[in-house]
Protein backbone atom coordinates (compact mmCIF):
# COMPACT_ATOMS: atom_id res chain seq x y z
CA MET A 1 1.32 141.50 -234.25
CA GLU A 2 3.37 138.35 -234.91
CA SER A 3 6.56 140.05 -233.83
CA SER A 4 5.04 141.20 -230.62
CA ALA A 5 3.89 137.63 -229.96
CA PHE A 6 7.29 136.30 -230.59
CA ILE A 7 8.71 138.83 -228.17
CA LEU A 8 6.25 137.74 -225.55
CA GLU A 9 7.19 134.06 -225.93
CA MET A 10 10.93 134.71 -225.45
CA PRO A 11 10.78 135.55 -221.77
CA ARG A 12 8.73 132.45 -221.06
CA ALA A 13 11.42 130.24 -222.70
CA GLY A 14 14.14 131.95 -220.73
CA ALA A 15 12.21 131.33 -217.47
CA ARG A 16 11.93 127.65 -218.29
CA GLY A 17 15.66 127.49 -218.87
CA ALA A 18 16.41 129.23 -215.64
CA SER A 19 14.11 126.82 -213.78
CA LEU A 20 15.78 123.82 -215.38
CA GLN A 21 19.23 125.13 -214.44
CA GLY A 22 18.04 125.69 -210.89
CA GLY A 23 16.70 122.09 -210.66
CA LEU A 24 19.97 120.72 -211.93
CA GLY A 25 21.91 122.83 -209.44
CA ARG A 26 19.92 121.24 -206.66
CA ILE A 27 20.14 117.69 -207.99
CA LEU A 28 23.88 117.54 -208.82
CA PRO A 29 25.08 118.03 -205.20
CA VAL A 30 22.69 115.28 -204.03
CA MET A 31 23.96 112.93 -206.72
CA LYS A 32 27.58 113.77 -205.80
CA ARG A 33 26.82 112.90 -202.10
CA TRP A 34 25.23 109.60 -203.07
CA ALA A 35 28.20 108.78 -205.30
CA LEU A 36 30.54 109.39 -202.40
CA TYR A 37 28.40 107.13 -200.24
CA LEU A 38 28.38 104.35 -202.82
CA ILE A 39 32.20 104.56 -203.02
CA ALA A 40 32.90 104.99 -199.29
CA VAL A 41 30.61 102.27 -197.98
CA PRO A 42 32.10 99.29 -200.02
CA LEU A 43 35.57 100.63 -199.36
CA GLY A 44 34.87 100.72 -195.66
CA LEU A 45 33.50 97.15 -195.74
CA VAL A 46 36.63 95.95 -197.55
CA VAL A 47 38.91 97.63 -194.92
CA LEU A 48 36.79 96.09 -192.08
CA VAL A 49 36.92 92.64 -193.62
CA TYR A 50 40.70 93.04 -193.95
CA LEU A 51 41.26 94.15 -190.42
CA VAL A 52 39.07 91.31 -189.00
CA GLY A 53 40.93 88.77 -191.12
CA LEU A 54 44.32 90.17 -190.09
CA ASN A 55 43.36 90.16 -186.41
CA PHE A 56 42.15 86.50 -186.66
CA SER A 57 45.34 85.44 -188.46
CA LEU A 58 47.63 87.01 -185.77
CA HIS A 59 45.49 85.47 -183.02
CA PHE A 60 45.56 82.00 -184.67
CA ALA A 61 49.34 82.32 -185.17
CA ASP A 62 49.82 83.21 -181.56
CA ILE A 63 47.82 80.27 -180.37
CA TRP A 64 49.61 77.90 -182.72
CA SER A 65 53.02 79.14 -181.57
CA ARG A 66 52.09 78.71 -177.91
CA ASP A 67 50.75 75.27 -178.48
CA HIS A 68 53.87 74.16 -180.36
CA GLN A 69 56.49 75.43 -177.94
CA PRO A 70 58.36 72.81 -176.05
CA LYS A 71 56.82 72.10 -172.69
CA ASN A 72 58.99 72.68 -169.58
CA VAL A 73 58.26 69.40 -167.99
CA GLN A 74 59.48 68.52 -164.56
CA ARG A 75 61.88 65.81 -165.73
CA ASP A 76 63.75 68.37 -167.94
CA VAL A 77 64.11 71.07 -165.32
CA GLY A 78 67.36 71.48 -163.52
CA LYS A 79 69.36 68.90 -165.60
CA ILE A 80 72.44 69.83 -167.56
CA PRO A 81 71.16 70.43 -171.11
CA GLU A 82 72.73 68.27 -173.88
CA GLY A 83 75.30 70.14 -175.90
CA ILE A 84 76.45 72.32 -173.02
CA ALA A 85 80.28 72.26 -172.60
CA VAL A 86 81.46 69.93 -169.81
CA PRO A 87 83.11 72.00 -166.98
CA GLN A 88 86.93 71.94 -167.13
CA GLU A 89 87.20 70.53 -163.56
CA ILE A 90 85.22 67.43 -164.61
CA LEU A 91 87.30 67.07 -167.70
CA ARG A 92 90.46 67.24 -165.58
CA LEU A 93 89.14 64.62 -163.16
CA ARG A 94 88.27 62.26 -166.05
CA HIS A 95 91.72 62.85 -167.52
CA LYS A 96 93.46 62.27 -164.18
CA HIS A 97 92.00 58.77 -163.96
CA GLN A 98 92.13 58.13 -167.65
CA LEU A 99 88.48 57.47 -168.04
CA ARG A 100 86.46 56.79 -171.22
CA PRO A 101 82.73 57.25 -171.65
CA LEU A 102 80.38 54.32 -171.29
CA THR A 103 79.25 53.00 -174.67
CA GLU A 104 75.66 52.38 -175.65
CA ARG A 105 76.33 48.68 -175.84
CA GLU A 106 77.45 48.69 -172.13
CA GLU A 107 74.27 50.44 -171.02
CA GLY A 108 72.21 48.24 -168.76
CA THR A 109 75.17 46.17 -167.71
CA LYS A 110 75.54 45.78 -163.94
CA ILE A 111 78.13 48.25 -162.82
CA GLU A 112 80.07 45.52 -161.01
CA GLU A 113 80.60 43.83 -164.40
CA LEU A 114 81.85 46.89 -166.13
CA PRO A 115 85.57 47.35 -166.54
CA ASP A 116 87.62 50.02 -164.70
CA GLY A 117 88.28 53.31 -166.34
CA ILE A 118 84.81 54.30 -167.32
CA TYR A 119 82.24 57.00 -166.51
CA GLY A 120 78.51 57.19 -167.02
CA PHE A 121 75.36 58.60 -165.35
CA SER A 122 72.91 57.34 -162.81
CA MET A 123 70.44 58.34 -160.16
CA CYS A 124 70.96 57.40 -156.45
CA ARG A 125 70.71 53.68 -157.05
CA VAL A 126 73.96 52.85 -158.86
CA VAL A 127 72.87 49.56 -160.42
CA ALA A 128 73.61 50.18 -164.10
CA LEU A 129 74.85 53.37 -165.88
CA ARG A 130 73.60 55.40 -168.87
CA ALA A 131 75.99 56.62 -171.54
CA THR A 132 74.37 60.11 -171.45
CA ARG A 133 72.30 62.08 -168.93
CA GLY A 134 69.44 62.12 -171.52
CA ASN A 135 66.17 63.35 -169.92
CA THR A 136 67.25 62.55 -166.34
CA PHE A 137 68.70 64.79 -163.66
CA SER A 138 71.50 62.38 -162.82
CA LEU A 139 74.99 62.36 -161.22
CA GLU A 140 78.16 61.37 -162.96
CA ILE A 141 79.38 58.03 -161.80
CA GLN A 142 83.13 57.08 -162.28
CA LYS A 143 84.69 53.69 -161.86
CA HIS A 144 88.40 53.42 -161.47
CA ASP A 145 90.89 51.40 -159.30
CA GLY A 146 88.01 48.95 -158.55
CA ILE A 147 85.97 51.69 -156.77
CA ILE A 148 82.74 53.35 -157.86
CA PHE A 149 82.36 57.08 -157.15
CA TYR A 150 79.58 59.65 -157.03
CA VAL A 151 80.84 62.83 -158.71
CA GLY A 152 79.08 66.17 -158.16
CA TYR A 153 79.14 69.60 -156.62
CA ALA A 154 78.64 70.63 -152.97
CA SER A 155 79.49 73.40 -150.53
CA ASP A 156 82.96 73.73 -149.14
CA GLU A 157 81.66 73.20 -145.59
CA GLU A 158 80.03 69.91 -146.42
CA ILE A 159 83.10 68.65 -148.33
CA GLU A 160 85.23 69.67 -145.34
CA GLN A 161 83.29 67.26 -143.18
CA TYR A 162 84.07 64.49 -145.70
CA LEU A 163 87.78 65.38 -145.97
CA THR A 164 88.21 65.62 -142.20
CA ARG A 165 86.50 62.24 -141.75
CA GLN A 166 83.62 63.46 -139.63
CA LYS A 167 80.61 61.20 -138.76
CA ASN A 168 76.92 61.36 -139.44
CA PHE A 169 76.82 64.18 -141.91
CA HIS A 170 75.00 65.06 -145.13
CA ILE A 171 76.39 66.29 -148.38
CA LEU A 172 73.76 67.93 -150.67
CA THR A 173 75.10 67.17 -154.09
CA SER A 174 74.12 68.34 -157.57
CA PRO A 175 75.45 67.49 -161.04
CA HIS A 176 76.33 71.16 -161.68
CA PRO A 177 77.54 74.15 -159.77
CA ARG A 178 74.91 76.04 -157.88
CA LYS A 179 74.91 79.14 -155.60
CA GLY A 180 76.75 78.34 -152.49
CA ALA A 181 77.83 74.88 -153.72
CA SER A 182 80.26 75.23 -156.57
CA SER A 183 83.03 72.81 -155.51
CA LEU A 184 83.54 69.55 -157.26
CA PHE A 185 84.20 66.40 -155.34
CA ASP A 186 84.03 62.63 -155.62
CA ILE A 187 83.14 60.10 -152.92
CA PRO A 188 83.08 56.34 -153.02
CA VAL A 189 79.55 54.98 -153.25
CA GLU A 190 80.26 52.55 -150.45
CA PHE A 191 80.97 55.48 -148.06
CA VAL A 192 77.44 56.66 -148.48
CA SER A 193 74.95 55.05 -146.12
CA LYS A 194 71.89 56.45 -147.83
CA CYS A 195 71.25 58.47 -150.99
CA GLU A 196 67.95 60.33 -151.50
CA GLU A 197 66.78 62.36 -154.46
CA ARG A 198 65.26 65.59 -153.08
CA PRO A 199 63.27 67.98 -155.27
CA VAL A 200 64.49 71.56 -154.65
CA GLY A 201 63.34 74.63 -156.60
CA ASP A 202 63.52 73.67 -160.33
CA GLY A 203 65.59 70.58 -159.97
CA TYR A 204 66.94 67.91 -157.64
CA LEU A 205 69.63 67.61 -155.08
CA PHE A 206 71.16 64.24 -154.05
CA ASP A 207 71.24 63.98 -150.29
CA LEU A 208 74.27 61.71 -149.49
CA PHE A 209 74.24 60.67 -145.84
CA VAL A 210 77.55 59.42 -144.46
CA THR A 211 77.70 57.70 -141.05
CA ALA A 212 81.36 56.92 -140.99
CA ILE A 213 84.25 56.87 -143.43
CA PRO A 214 86.20 53.60 -143.54
CA GLU A 215 89.85 53.29 -144.30
CA LEU A 216 90.37 53.20 -148.09
CA GLN A 217 93.59 52.88 -149.98
CA ILE A 218 93.58 54.05 -153.62
């Protein structure tokens, strides 16, 4: 009898084991999914925070670089930048008349009081010269043989009017060559009845109006 009871109990134990294994089989996949969620969510948050921070850094750097770029103010536009090589034709003209640059000590001195053989820079009103163009869009001024000259570039047609001693004409002059006006010339300041600074495009032109050309011996 005891042996038969033992035999009857064995199937019941096997059933409980099978039931336990079935429960574990259902629980383990669920636990695995939750484990993946627990890993993926924090990782996703880390990636999101990184991307947001990176985007903010790039945006901030872009704003900073724009704010700290040199501003293209009107007074700097159209002038000959410092450090650019002086055109050969201007160097030849300076050498021809054996000119030296104006010194900083001479800046502000009335041009009539300056010695011959110098060059500097000025706007239309040639009262005193600057040693460099600096932040101004100015013409080169040369003084030699007791005469003060505007030096600049203009068109061949306008220069021809000057050379052929025409009357009542304009010469649109700039400190550097420009399209259609790339010929260098110099003209005594006393020949110019009126000089006006005219804003054109990204710079200025100097409108030199000549009524008549007097006799001049150099």
